[in-house]
């Protein structure tokens, strides 16, 4: 039975914490997380996903798992039964699991081959099935701070001396891509976007405020959307600007974890001269931000990112990819580098 966590009156709505100020985080013990995204895709990977869970469970170094969204591919049905199947898989993780939604499980469910669902109804279902208790992880159930309100999926926690958080930002232009039969977003679609964008901006502020308050050595923020993928950017503009402002003011290392485009990639898009710099008009530069796009399950080899957090080091964050065997020739493909 899942435990219901009670929050102090008024603090949940304000996004404030009831905990005392922490000691400087460079005294925290290092930690290792497994980061995955865009998985499982298609019937063979769905069937193999329990093996992925077992493989990560067997990694003794890992103490938490983060899934960056897209729990299905973009051409299969967004059914209740499938959502429940993934929830059951997630609950098999021996470590706490933090999941942030992707576009394939709600935004894109308007497509005929996805079942022609109302995306907003699917979003409500995702929240019901995969976020049954606000402020509690899946897998091993531990307390975690949730933004609460309708955006229960936005969370933050401290680990390894760094402040972690997830922000619900998805592909398909952050859900502004018109749904089937429309040439522009609907009124309901825009209302959801506006509500979530406002919550996301406040949550980014809160994550960095917590990092300042606890003297965290670094900040790591995960989301589904690859905001530098070559597509429309209007849905991401304000998120990118806010990240630049907060990272610039933080000075210490910031890690932005994304999925969506499936191909392993590391860059510094808030640093002048970086190939990703210039896609957005930034209010400030932030050379302390590193962006990592994790290897999706449609790329070879099939991997998870073993993310290391060590507050005693200058970089704070480092990572290496680990193969998740599929029993195919893909397993012997060249392993992407680390950072």
Protein backbone atom coordinates (compact mmCIF):
# COMPACT_ATOMS: atom_id res chain seq x y z
CA UNK A 1 0.00 0.00 0.00
CA UNK A 2 1.50 3.35 -1.02
CA UNK A 3 2.03 5.81 1.79
CA UNK A 4 0.35 9.19 1.69
CA UNK A 5 2.77 11.99 2.57
CA UNK A 6 1.42 15.07 4.32
CA UNK A 7 2.93 18.51 3.71
CA UNK A 8 2.94 21.40 6.15
CA UNK A 9 -0.02 23.74 5.59
CA UNK A 10 0.59 26.19 2.78
CA UNK A 11 4.16 25.14 2.01
CA UNK A 12 3.31 22.83 -0.87
CA UNK A 13 1.56 25.59 -2.79
CA UNK A 14 4.46 27.95 -2.18
CA UNK A 15 7.13 25.42 -3.12
CA UNK A 16 8.95 25.88 0.16
CA UNK A 17 10.80 23.31 2.23
CA UNK A 18 10.32 22.56 5.91
CA UNK A 19 13.82 21.11 6.41
CA UNK A 20 16.64 22.85 8.23
CA UNK A 21 19.57 24.40 6.38
CA UNK A 22 21.99 21.65 5.40
CA UNK A 23 25.71 21.57 5.99
CA UNK A 24 27.97 22.51 3.05
CA UNK A 25 27.43 19.79 0.48
CA UNK A 26 31.11 19.06 -0.21
CA UNK A 27 30.91 16.84 2.87
CA UNK A 28 28.27 14.62 1.21
CA UNK A 29 29.21 11.11 0.15
CA UNK A 30 29.43 10.58 -3.63
CA UNK A 31 26.44 8.94 -5.32
CA UNK A 32 25.71 7.10 -8.56
CA UNK A 33 22.46 7.22 -10.53
CA UNK A 34 21.26 5.34 -13.60
CA UNK A 35 19.68 7.64 -16.20
CA UNK A 36 17.54 6.25 -19.04
CA UNK A 37 15.08 7.67 -21.54
CA UNK A 38 13.07 6.87 -24.67
CA UNK A 39 12.59 3.27 -23.59
CA UNK A 40 11.05 0.79 -24.14
CA UNK A 41 10.28 1.29 -27.85
CA UNK A 42 8.31 -1.39 -29.69
CA UNK A 43 7.33 -4.96 -28.83
CA UNK A 44 10.83 -6.51 -28.59
CA UNK A 45 12.07 -3.79 -26.23
CA UNK A 46 8.86 -3.86 -24.20
CA UNK A 47 9.37 -7.60 -23.73
CA UNK A 48 13.01 -7.01 -22.80
CA UNK A 49 12.40 -4.09 -20.43
CA UNK A 50 12.19 -6.29 -17.29
CA UNK A 51 15.73 -7.46 -18.17
CA UNK A 52 16.84 -3.82 -18.26
CA UNK A 53 15.36 -3.33 -14.81
CA UNK A 54 17.19 -6.40 -13.51
CA UNK A 55 20.49 -5.26 -15.05
CA UNK A 56 20.24 -1.85 -13.38
CA UNK A 57 19.15 -3.45 -10.10
CA UNK A 58 22.32 -5.56 -10.25
CA UNK A 59 24.53 -2.46 -10.53
CA UNK A 60 25.53 -2.16 -6.88
CA UNK A 61 26.80 1.39 -7.35
CA UNK A 62 23.42 2.75 -8.43
CA UNK A 63 21.25 4.23 -5.68
CA UNK A 64 18.57 5.96 -7.79
CA UNK A 65 17.14 5.67 -11.31
CA UNK A 66 15.89 8.56 -13.46
CA UNK A 67 13.70 7.98 -16.53
CA UNK A 68 13.58 11.02 -18.84
CA UNK A 69 10.29 10.16 -20.51
CA UNK A 70 8.91 8.43 -23.60
CA UNK A 71 7.86 5.06 -22.20
CA UNK A 72 6.63 4.00 -25.66
CA UNK A 73 7.34 4.76 -29.29
CA UNK A 74 5.35 7.29 -31.31
CA UNK A 75 3.30 4.82 -33.33
CA UNK A 76 1.74 2.50 -30.73
CA UNK A 77 -1.44 2.83 -28.71
CA UNK A 78 -1.54 4.90 -25.54
CA UNK A 79 -3.70 2.36 -23.75
CA UNK A 80 -4.53 2.07 -20.07
CA UNK A 81 -3.21 -1.49 -20.14
CA UNK A 82 0.15 -0.33 -21.48
CA UNK A 83 0.49 2.40 -18.87
CA UNK A 84 -0.22 -0.13 -16.14
CA UNK A 85 2.33 -2.55 -17.60
CA UNK A 86 5.03 0.12 -17.45
CA UNK A 87 3.99 1.05 -13.90
CA UNK A 88 4.44 -2.59 -12.92
CA UNK A 89 7.89 -2.64 -14.58
CA UNK A 90 8.85 0.57 -12.77
CA UNK A 91 7.81 -0.87 -9.42
CA UNK A 92 10.31 -3.69 -9.95
CA UNK A 93 13.23 -1.26 -9.59
CA UNK A 94 15.06 -1.98 -6.35
CA UNK A 95 16.14 1.67 -6.09
CA UNK A 96 13.94 4.76 -6.01
CA UNK A 97 12.78 5.71 -9.53
CA UNK A 98 12.08 9.27 -10.64
CA UNK A 99 10.17 9.59 -13.91
CA UNK A 100 9.26 12.68 -15.93
CA UNK A 101 6.74 12.29 -18.78
CA UNK A 102 7.52 12.40 -22.49
CA UNK A 103 5.42 13.48 -25.45
CA UNK A 104 4.81 9.93 -26.73
CA UNK A 105 2.71 9.00 -23.72
CA UNK A 106 0.30 11.94 -23.87
CA UNK A 107 0.96 14.85 -26.26
CA UNK A 108 1.16 12.66 -29.37
CA UNK A 109 -1.66 10.29 -28.42
CA UNK A 110 -4.02 12.20 -30.76
CA UNK A 111 -2.51 10.25 -33.68
CA UNK A 112 -4.72 7.57 -35.21
CA UNK A 113 -2.08 4.86 -34.71
CA UNK A 114 -1.84 5.89 -31.04
CA UNK A 115 -5.56 5.34 -30.53
CA UNK A 116 -6.83 8.85 -31.41
CA UNK A 117 -7.04 9.80 -27.74
CA UNK A 118 -7.59 13.21 -26.21
CA UNK A 119 -4.03 14.09 -25.11
CA UNK A 120 -5.25 15.92 -22.02
CA UNK A 121 -7.21 12.86 -20.91
CA UNK A 122 -4.08 10.74 -21.42
CA UNK A 123 -2.01 13.20 -19.37
CA UNK A 124 -4.52 12.90 -16.54
CA UNK A 125 -4.26 9.10 -16.81
CA UNK A 126 -0.45 9.17 -16.75
CA UNK A 127 -0.58 11.23 -13.56
CA UNK A 128 -3.06 8.80 -12.03
CA UNK A 129 -1.10 5.65 -12.89
CA UNK A 130 2.54 6.77 -12.63
CA UNK A 131 2.23 9.47 -9.94
CA UNK A 132 -0.31 7.87 -7.59
CA UNK A 133 1.16 9.57 -4.50
CA UNK A 134 2.59 13.07 -4.75
CA UNK A 135 5.99 13.25 -3.11
CA UNK A 136 6.88 9.56 -3.43
CA UNK A 137 9.16 7.77 -5.87
CA UNK A 138 8.29 4.67 -7.84
CA UNK A 139 10.40 1.53 -7.42
CA UNK A 140 11.67 1.70 -3.86
CA UNK A 141 9.24 4.16 -2.27
CA UNK A 142 10.99 7.10 -0.63
CA UNK A 143 9.85 10.62 0.14
CA UNK A 144 10.67 13.28 -2.43
CA UNK A 145 9.59 16.90 -2.73
CA UNK A 146 6.85 17.40 -5.31
CA UNK A 147 5.65 20.71 -6.70
CA UNK A 148 2.14 19.53 -6.00
CA UNK A 149 -1.03 21.01 -7.41
CA UNK A 150 -1.76 19.62 -10.88
CA UNK A 151 1.96 19.31 -11.75
CA UNK A 152 2.81 16.54 -9.27
CA UNK A 153 5.46 15.15 -11.63
CA UNK A 154 7.86 18.07 -11.02
CA UNK A 155 10.11 16.99 -8.15
CA UNK A 156 13.40 17.82 -6.48
CA UNK A 157 15.78 16.06 -4.11
CA UNK A 158 19.33 16.28 -2.79
CA UNK A 159 21.86 13.54 -3.54
CA UNK A 160 25.63 13.30 -3.46
CA UNK A 161 25.93 16.95 -2.51
CA UNK A 162 23.98 18.16 -5.56
CA UNK A 163 20.42 19.38 -6.00
CA UNK A 164 18.44 17.31 -8.51
CA UNK A 165 15.10 18.06 -10.10
CA UNK A 166 12.80 17.17 -12.96
CA UNK A 167 10.73 19.59 -15.01
CA UNK A 168 7.86 18.49 -17.27
CA UNK A 169 9.05 19.75 -20.68
CA UNK A 170 8.22 17.54 -23.67
CA UNK A 171 8.96 17.25 -27.37
CA UNK A 172 6.43 18.19 -30.06
CA UNK A 173 7.33 21.82 -29.30
CA UNK A 174 6.50 21.32 -25.63
CA UNK A 175 2.98 20.18 -26.70
CA UNK A 176 2.28 23.15 -28.99
CA UNK A 177 2.36 21.01 -32.16
CA UNK A 178 -1.24 20.94 -33.46
CA UNK A 179 -3.25 17.81 -32.80
CA UNK A 180 -4.83 15.74 -35.57
CA UNK A 181 -7.32 17.72 -37.62
CA UNK A 182 -6.07 21.11 -36.42
CA UNK A 183 -3.73 23.67 -37.95
CA UNK A 184 -3.08 25.41 -34.62
CA UNK A 185 -3.23 24.48 -30.93
CA UNK A 186 -6.72 24.31 -29.44
CA UNK A 187 -7.86 26.57 -26.61
CA UNK A 188 -7.62 23.65 -24.16
CA UNK A 189 -4.17 22.76 -25.48
CA UNK A 190 -2.93 26.31 -24.96
CA UNK A 191 -4.44 26.46 -21.48
CA UNK A 192 -2.57 23.30 -20.44
CA UNK A 193 0.66 24.65 -21.94
CA UNK A 194 0.33 27.99 -20.14
CA UNK A 195 -0.40 26.33 -16.79
CA UNK A 196 2.51 23.88 -17.10
CA UNK A 197 4.94 26.54 -18.37
CA UNK A 198 4.15 28.79 -15.42
CA UNK A 199 4.65 25.87 -13.04
CA UNK A 200 7.89 24.80 -14.77
CA UNK A 201 9.43 28.26 -14.53
CA UNK A 202 8.57 28.46 -10.84
CA UNK A 203 9.97 24.97 -10.29
CA UNK A 204 13.28 25.81 -11.98
CA UNK A 205 13.51 28.81 -9.63
CA UNK A 206 12.75 26.55 -6.67
CA UNK A 207 15.38 23.95 -7.60
CA UNK A 208 18.07 26.62 -7.77
CA UNK A 209 16.79 28.29 -4.59
CA UNK A 210 17.15 24.97 -2.79
CA UNK A 211 20.66 24.59 -4.20
CA UNK A 212 21.63 28.04 -2.86
CA UNK A 213 19.97 27.34 0.49
CA UNK A 214 21.74 24.03 1.04
CA UNK A 215 25.04 25.21 -0.47
CA UNK A 216 24.82 22.43 -3.06
CA UNK A 217 27.94 21.77 -5.12
CA UNK A 218 25.91 21.47 -8.34
CA UNK A 219 22.46 21.31 -9.88
CA UNK A 220 21.12 18.59 -12.22
CA UNK A 221 17.79 19.04 -14.01
CA UNK A 222 16.14 16.34 -16.12
CA UNK A 223 13.43 16.70 -18.78
CA UNK A 224 12.27 14.80 -21.85
CA UNK A 225 12.58 17.41 -24.60
CA UNK A 226 15.79 17.90 -26.55
CA UNK A 227 15.30 21.65 -26.85
CA UNK A 228 18.11 21.90 -29.40
CA UNK A 229 16.57 19.36 -31.77
CA UNK A 230 15.83 20.98 -35.18
CA UNK A 231 12.16 21.73 -34.69
CA UNK A 232 9.94 24.66 -33.69
CA UNK A 233 11.20 26.30 -30.51
CA UNK A 234 8.41 28.60 -29.33
CA UNK A 235 7.39 26.13 -26.64
CA UNK A 236 10.90 26.07 -25.18
CA UNK A 237 11.98 29.73 -25.32
CA UNK A 238 11.03 30.70 -21.78
CA UNK A 239 12.43 27.49 -20.29
CA UNK A 240 15.79 28.04 -21.97
CA UNK A 241 15.96 31.67 -20.87
CA UNK A 242 15.14 30.81 -17.26
CA UNK A 243 17.74 28.03 -17.18
CA UNK A 244 20.37 30.43 -18.52
CA UNK A 245 19.55 33.03 -15.89
CA UNK A 246 19.57 30.62 -12.98
CA UNK A 247 22.69 28.75 -14.10
CA UNK A 248 24.52 32.06 -14.66
CA UNK A 249 23.68 33.20 -11.12
CA UNK A 250 24.60 29.86 -9.57
CA UNK A 251 28.24 29.84 -10.79
CA UNK A 252 28.78 26.18 -9.87
CA UNK A 253 28.35 23.19 -12.26
CA UNK A 254 24.88 22.68 -13.75
CA UNK A 255 23.89 19.52 -15.63
CA UNK A 256 20.92 19.49 -18.01
CA UNK A 257 19.76 15.93 -18.79
CA UNK A 258 17.53 15.38 -21.83
CA UNK A 259 16.21 12.57 -24.01
CA UNK A 260 13.89 12.84 -27.02
CA UNK A 261 16.39 12.72 -29.92
CA UNK A 262 17.82 9.32 -28.86
CA UNK A 263 21.44 9.95 -29.85
CA UNK A 264 24.13 10.40 -27.18
CA UNK A 265 25.29 14.01 -27.19
CA UNK A 266 27.22 16.33 -24.87
CA UNK A 267 27.52 20.08 -25.40
CA UNK A 268 27.56 23.50 -23.70
CA UNK A 269 24.83 25.46 -25.49
CA UNK A 270 25.03 28.48 -23.16
CA UNK A 271 28.74 28.94 -23.97
CA UNK A 272 29.74 31.28 -26.83
CA UNK A 273 31.41 29.31 -29.61
CA UNK A 274 29.65 26.04 -28.81
CA UNK A 275 27.77 24.58 -31.83
CA UNK A 276 24.48 24.78 -29.88
CA UNK A 277 24.98 28.43 -28.98
CA UNK A 278 22.79 30.85 -30.95
CA UNK A 279 19.70 28.69 -31.39
CA UNK A 280 18.05 30.83 -28.73
CA UNK A 281 18.44 34.50 -27.82
CA UNK A 282 19.84 34.24 -24.30
CA UNK A 283 19.57 36.91 -21.60
CA UNK A 284 22.98 35.82 -20.23
CA UNK A 285 25.65 33.20 -20.98
CA UNK A 286 26.21 30.26 -18.63
CA UNK A 287 29.44 28.38 -19.43
CA UNK A 288 28.97 26.34 -16.24
CA UNK A 289 26.05 24.40 -17.82
CA UNK A 290 26.70 21.05 -19.51
CA UNK A 291 23.92 19.42 -21.52
CA UNK A 292 23.75 15.64 -21.93
CA UNK A 293 21.28 13.87 -24.24
CA UNK A 294 21.06 10.23 -23.18
CA UNK A 295 21.23 7.36 -25.63
CA UNK A 296 17.68 6.32 -26.54
CA UNK A 297 16.72 2.70 -27.03
CA UNK A 298 16.52 3.01 -30.82
CA UNK A 299 20.25 3.79 -30.97
CA UNK A 300 23.03 1.20 -30.82
CA UNK A 301 24.10 0.10 -28.36
CA UNK A 302 21.21 0.04 -25.89
CA UNK A 303 22.58 1.73 -22.75
CA UNK A 304 21.98 3.49 -19.49
CA UNK A 305 24.04 6.42 -18.26
CA UNK A 306 25.84 5.73 -14.99
CA UNK A 307 25.91 9.25 -13.59
CA UNK A 308 28.44 9.94 -10.83
CA UNK A 309 28.02 12.83 -8.39
CA UNK A 310 31.05 13.79 -6.31
CA UNK A 311 30.89 17.15 -4.57
CA UNK A 312 34.61 17.02 -3.73
CA UNK A 313 35.55 17.36 -7.41
CA UNK A 314 35.54 20.54 -9.51
CA UNK A 315 33.29 19.03 -12.19
CA UNK A 316 30.86 17.49 -9.62
CA UNK A 317 29.18 15.43 -12.37
CA UNK A 318 30.67 12.73 -14.60
CA UNK A 319 29.16 9.81 -16.48
CA UNK A 320 29.80 6.67 -18.47
CA UNK A 321 27.43 4.62 -20.63
CA UNK A 322 26.77 1.00 -19.70
CA UNK A 323 25.39 -1.54 -22.18
CA UNK A 324 21.97 -3.05 -21.53
CA UNK A 325 22.07 -6.29 -23.55
CA UNK A 326 19.33 -6.89 -26.11
CA UNK A 327 20.70 -10.17 -27.41
CA UNK A 328 21.37 -8.68 -30.85
CA UNK A 329 24.33 -7.49 -32.88
CA UNK A 330 23.54 -4.04 -31.50
CA UNK A 331 25.15 -5.12 -28.22
CA UNK A 332 28.58 -5.12 -29.84
CA UNK A 333 28.25 -1.63 -31.36
CA UNK A 334 30.70 1.05 -30.29
CA UNK A 335 29.82 2.36 -26.84
CA UNK A 336 29.31 6.15 -26.68
CA UNK A 337 31.86 8.04 -24.66
CA UNK A 338 31.29 9.62 -21.29
CA UNK A 339 31.72 13.16 -20.04
